[in-house]
Amino acid sequence: MDDAAHPSPLSRPWPADAATLVREQAELAAARPPAWRPPPAPSVAGCFACFPRGATGRGAAGDPAWAAAALGEATAVVTGAA
């Protein structure tokens, strides 16, 4: 279902609290979307993200990061703070 009361799961913000997260997970578990079928000529894509060497743990806001993605001939590279 994709309407104002039930936006697409991919367009929803991260739940603000544990109760909302549990409700979202239950809704996703109950969903029965149609099976995905690849197109006749599927595209192949890749993505990569990396962080500086030497740090341990999960990191923190503002840590430097690099990311790149490619789809066929299209490529995007981004550098900035995580």
N, C-alpha and C. Protein backbone atom coordinates (compact mmCIF):
# COMPACT_ATOMS: atom_id res chain seq x y z
N MET A 1 0.85 -1.17 0.00
CA MET A 1 0.00 0.00 0.00
C MET A 1 0.90 1.23 0.00
N ASP A 2 0.65 2.18 -0.85
CA ASP A 2 1.47 3.38 -0.94
C ASP A 2 0.55 4.59 -1.07
N ASP A 3 0.16 5.13 0.08
CA ASP A 3 -0.66 6.33 0.09
C ASP A 3 -0.21 7.21 1.25
N ALA A 4 -0.92 8.30 1.52
CA ALA A 4 -0.49 9.21 2.57
C ALA A 4 -0.41 8.53 3.94
N ALA A 5 -1.31 7.60 4.21
CA ALA A 5 -1.30 6.91 5.50
C ALA A 5 -0.25 5.80 5.56
N HIS A 6 0.14 5.27 4.40
CA HIS A 6 1.11 4.18 4.33
C HIS A 6 2.11 4.46 3.22
N PRO A 7 3.08 5.37 3.45
CA PRO A 7 4.05 5.65 2.39
C PRO A 7 4.93 4.43 2.12
N SER A 8 5.54 4.42 0.97
CA SER A 8 6.45 3.35 0.61
C SER A 8 7.51 3.18 1.68
N PRO A 9 7.87 1.94 2.06
CA PRO A 9 8.90 1.76 3.08
C PRO A 9 10.22 2.45 2.74
N LEU A 10 10.52 2.59 1.46
CA LEU A 10 11.77 3.22 1.09
C LEU A 10 11.74 4.74 1.24
N SER A 11 10.57 5.33 1.39
CA SER A 11 10.48 6.78 1.52
C SER A 11 10.19 7.22 2.94
N ARG A 12 10.12 6.28 3.86
CA ARG A 12 9.84 6.62 5.26
C ARG A 12 11.12 7.01 5.99
N PRO A 13 11.02 7.95 6.94
CA PRO A 13 12.18 8.25 7.77
C PRO A 13 12.40 7.11 8.78
N TRP A 14 13.59 7.03 9.37
CA TRP A 14 13.86 6.01 10.37
C TRP A 14 12.93 6.25 11.56
N PRO A 15 12.36 5.21 12.15
CA PRO A 15 11.44 5.37 13.28
C PRO A 15 12.08 6.14 14.44
N ALA A 16 11.29 6.97 15.09
CA ALA A 16 11.79 7.83 16.15
C ALA A 16 11.97 7.12 17.48
N ASP A 17 11.29 5.99 17.67
CA ASP A 17 11.41 5.28 18.95
C ASP A 17 11.22 3.78 18.74
N ALA A 18 11.48 3.00 19.79
CA ALA A 18 11.43 1.54 19.69
C ALA A 18 10.02 1.04 19.35
N ALA A 19 9.00 1.64 19.92
CA ALA A 19 7.63 1.19 19.65
C ALA A 19 7.27 1.37 18.17
N THR A 20 7.69 2.49 17.60
CA THR A 20 7.42 2.75 16.19
C THR A 20 8.20 1.77 15.32
N LEU A 21 9.43 1.48 15.70
CA LEU A 21 10.23 0.51 14.95
C LEU A 21 9.58 -0.87 14.96
N VAL A 22 9.10 -1.31 16.11
CA VAL A 22 8.43 -2.61 16.21
C VAL A 22 7.19 -2.63 15.33
N ARG A 23 6.41 -1.55 15.35
CA ARG A 23 5.19 -1.48 14.52
C ARG A 23 5.55 -1.53 13.04
N GLU A 24 6.60 -0.79 12.64
CA GLU A 24 7.04 -0.80 11.24
C GLU A 24 7.50 -2.20 10.83
N GLN A 25 8.24 -2.89 11.70
CA GLN A 25 8.72 -4.23 11.38
C GLN A 25 7.55 -5.20 11.22
N ALA A 26 6.55 -5.08 12.08
CA ALA A 26 5.38 -5.96 11.98
C ALA A 26 4.63 -5.69 10.67
N GLU A 27 4.52 -4.43 10.30
CA GLU A 27 3.84 -4.09 9.03
C GLU A 27 4.60 -4.64 7.83
N LEU A 28 5.92 -4.51 7.85
CA LEU A 28 6.72 -5.05 6.76
C LEU A 28 6.63 -6.57 6.70
N ALA A 29 6.62 -7.23 7.86
CA ALA A 29 6.53 -8.69 7.90
C ALA A 29 5.19 -9.17 7.35
N ALA A 30 4.12 -8.40 7.54
CA ALA A 30 2.79 -8.78 7.08
C ALA A 30 2.55 -8.46 5.60
N ALA A 31 3.40 -7.61 5.03
CA ALA A 31 3.22 -7.20 3.63
C ALA A 31 3.41 -8.39 2.70
N ARG A 32 2.64 -8.43 1.67
CA ARG A 32 2.74 -9.49 0.66
C ARG A 32 2.81 -8.86 -0.73
N PRO A 33 3.94 -8.18 -1.01
CA PRO A 33 4.06 -7.55 -2.32
C PRO A 33 4.20 -8.61 -3.41
N PRO A 34 3.90 -8.25 -4.64
CA PRO A 34 4.08 -9.21 -5.74
C PRO A 34 5.56 -9.55 -5.89
N ALA A 35 5.84 -10.74 -6.38
CA ALA A 35 7.22 -11.17 -6.58
C ALA A 35 7.92 -10.26 -7.57
N TRP A 36 9.16 -9.93 -7.30
CA TRP A 36 9.95 -9.11 -8.20
C TRP A 36 10.41 -9.97 -9.38
N ARG A 37 10.32 -9.44 -10.55
CA ARG A 37 10.79 -10.11 -11.75
C ARG A 37 11.80 -9.20 -12.44
N PRO A 38 12.96 -9.72 -12.78
CA PRO A 38 13.94 -8.86 -13.45
C PRO A 38 13.47 -8.50 -14.85
N PRO A 39 13.92 -7.34 -15.36
CA PRO A 39 13.57 -6.96 -16.72
C PRO A 39 14.31 -7.86 -17.71
N PRO A 40 13.91 -7.85 -18.97
CA PRO A 40 14.55 -8.71 -19.97
C PRO A 40 16.06 -8.47 -20.09
N ALA A 41 16.50 -7.24 -19.95
CA ALA A 41 17.94 -6.92 -20.02
C ALA A 41 18.33 -6.19 -18.74
N PRO A 42 18.57 -6.92 -17.66
CA PRO A 42 18.86 -6.25 -16.38
C PRO A 42 20.17 -5.48 -16.41
N SER A 43 20.24 -4.43 -15.63
CA SER A 43 21.47 -3.65 -15.47
C SER A 43 22.25 -4.18 -14.28
N VAL A 44 23.54 -4.01 -14.31
CA VAL A 44 24.40 -4.42 -13.21
C VAL A 44 25.01 -3.17 -12.60
N ALA A 45 24.95 -3.07 -11.29
CA ALA A 45 25.46 -1.89 -10.60
C ALA A 45 26.36 -2.33 -9.45
N GLY A 46 27.12 -1.40 -8.94
CA GLY A 46 27.97 -1.67 -7.79
C GLY A 46 28.12 -0.41 -6.95
N CYS A 47 28.43 -0.61 -5.69
CA CYS A 47 28.69 0.54 -4.82
C CYS A 47 29.80 0.17 -3.85
N PHE A 48 30.45 1.18 -3.33
CA PHE A 48 31.59 0.98 -2.43
C PHE A 48 31.65 2.17 -1.49
N ALA A 49 31.93 1.92 -0.24
CA ALA A 49 32.14 2.98 0.75
C ALA A 49 33.36 2.62 1.58
N CYS A 50 34.16 3.60 1.94
CA CYS A 50 35.32 3.32 2.77
C CYS A 50 35.58 4.47 3.73
N PHE A 51 36.36 4.14 4.74
CA PHE A 51 36.69 5.08 5.81
C PHE A 51 38.19 5.02 6.04
N PRO A 52 38.79 6.02 6.68
CA PRO A 52 40.24 6.00 6.90
C PRO A 52 40.68 4.79 7.72
N ARG A 53 41.91 4.38 7.52
CA ARG A 53 42.48 3.26 8.26
C ARG A 53 42.80 3.69 9.69
N GLY A 54 42.85 2.71 10.58
CA GLY A 54 43.33 2.94 11.93
C GLY A 54 42.25 3.12 12.98
N ALA A 55 41.10 3.60 12.62
CA ALA A 55 40.04 3.80 13.59
C ALA A 55 39.36 2.46 13.90
N THR A 56 38.82 2.31 15.08
CA THR A 56 38.06 1.11 15.43
C THR A 56 36.69 1.53 15.94
N GLY A 57 35.81 0.56 16.01
CA GLY A 57 34.46 0.86 16.50
C GLY A 57 33.55 1.33 15.39
N ARG A 58 32.40 1.82 15.80
CA ARG A 58 31.39 2.18 14.81
C ARG A 58 31.54 3.58 14.24
N GLY A 59 32.48 4.35 14.73
CA GLY A 59 32.67 5.69 14.19
C GLY A 59 31.75 6.70 14.86
N ALA A 60 31.81 7.93 14.34
CA ALA A 60 31.02 9.01 14.92
C ALA A 60 30.62 9.99 13.83
N ALA A 61 29.61 10.77 14.11
CA ALA A 61 29.18 11.80 13.17
C ALA A 61 30.36 12.71 12.85
N GLY A 62 30.52 13.03 11.58
CA GLY A 62 31.61 13.90 11.15
C GLY A 62 32.85 13.17 10.71
N ASP A 63 32.92 11.85 10.91
CA ASP A 63 34.07 11.08 10.42
C ASP A 63 34.14 11.18 8.91
N PRO A 64 35.35 11.28 8.34
CA PRO A 64 35.45 11.34 6.88
C PRO A 64 35.08 10.00 6.25
N ALA A 65 34.52 10.07 5.05
CA ALA A 65 34.12 8.87 4.34
C ALA A 65 34.14 9.15 2.85
N TRP A 66 34.29 8.08 2.07
CA TRP A 66 34.27 8.16 0.62
C TRP A 66 33.30 7.10 0.11
N ALA A 67 32.56 7.43 -0.92
CA ALA A 67 31.61 6.47 -1.48
C ALA A 67 31.57 6.65 -3.00
N ALA A 68 31.30 5.56 -3.69
CA ALA A 68 31.17 5.61 -5.14
C ALA A 68 30.13 4.60 -5.58
N ALA A 69 29.48 4.88 -6.68
CA ALA A 69 28.48 3.96 -7.24
C ALA A 69 28.58 4.01 -8.75
N ALA A 70 28.27 2.90 -9.39
CA ALA A 70 28.31 2.84 -10.85
C ALA A 70 27.15 1.99 -11.34
N LEU A 71 26.57 2.42 -12.45
CA LEU A 71 25.51 1.68 -13.13
C LEU A 71 25.80 1.80 -14.61
N GLY A 72 26.25 0.72 -15.21
CA GLY A 72 26.62 0.78 -16.63
C GLY A 72 27.71 1.80 -16.84
N GLU A 73 27.46 2.78 -17.68
CA GLU A 73 28.44 3.83 -17.97
C GLU A 73 28.39 4.98 -16.98
N ALA A 74 27.34 5.03 -16.12
CA ALA A 74 27.18 6.13 -15.18
C ALA A 74 27.96 5.84 -13.91
N THR A 75 28.70 6.84 -13.41
CA THR A 75 29.49 6.70 -12.20
C THR A 75 29.32 7.95 -11.35
N ALA A 76 29.28 7.76 -10.02
CA ALA A 76 29.20 8.88 -9.10
C ALA A 76 30.18 8.63 -7.97
N VAL A 77 30.92 9.66 -7.57
CA VAL A 77 31.86 9.58 -6.45
C VAL A 77 31.54 10.71 -5.50
N VAL A 78 31.48 10.40 -4.21
CA VAL A 78 31.15 11.40 -3.20
C VAL A 78 32.18 11.32 -2.09
N THR A 79 32.63 12.45 -1.62
CA THR A 79 33.52 12.50 -0.47
C THR A 79 32.93 13.51 0.51
N GLY A 80 33.03 13.23 1.79
CA GLY A 80 32.47 14.14 2.77
C GLY A 80 32.48 13.52 4.15
N ALA A 81 31.74 14.11 5.05
CA ALA A 81 31.66 13.62 6.42
C ALA A 81 30.46 12.70 6.58
N ALA A 82 30.66 11.65 7.34
CA ALA A 82 29.58 10.69 7.59
C ALA A 82 28.61 11.25 8.60
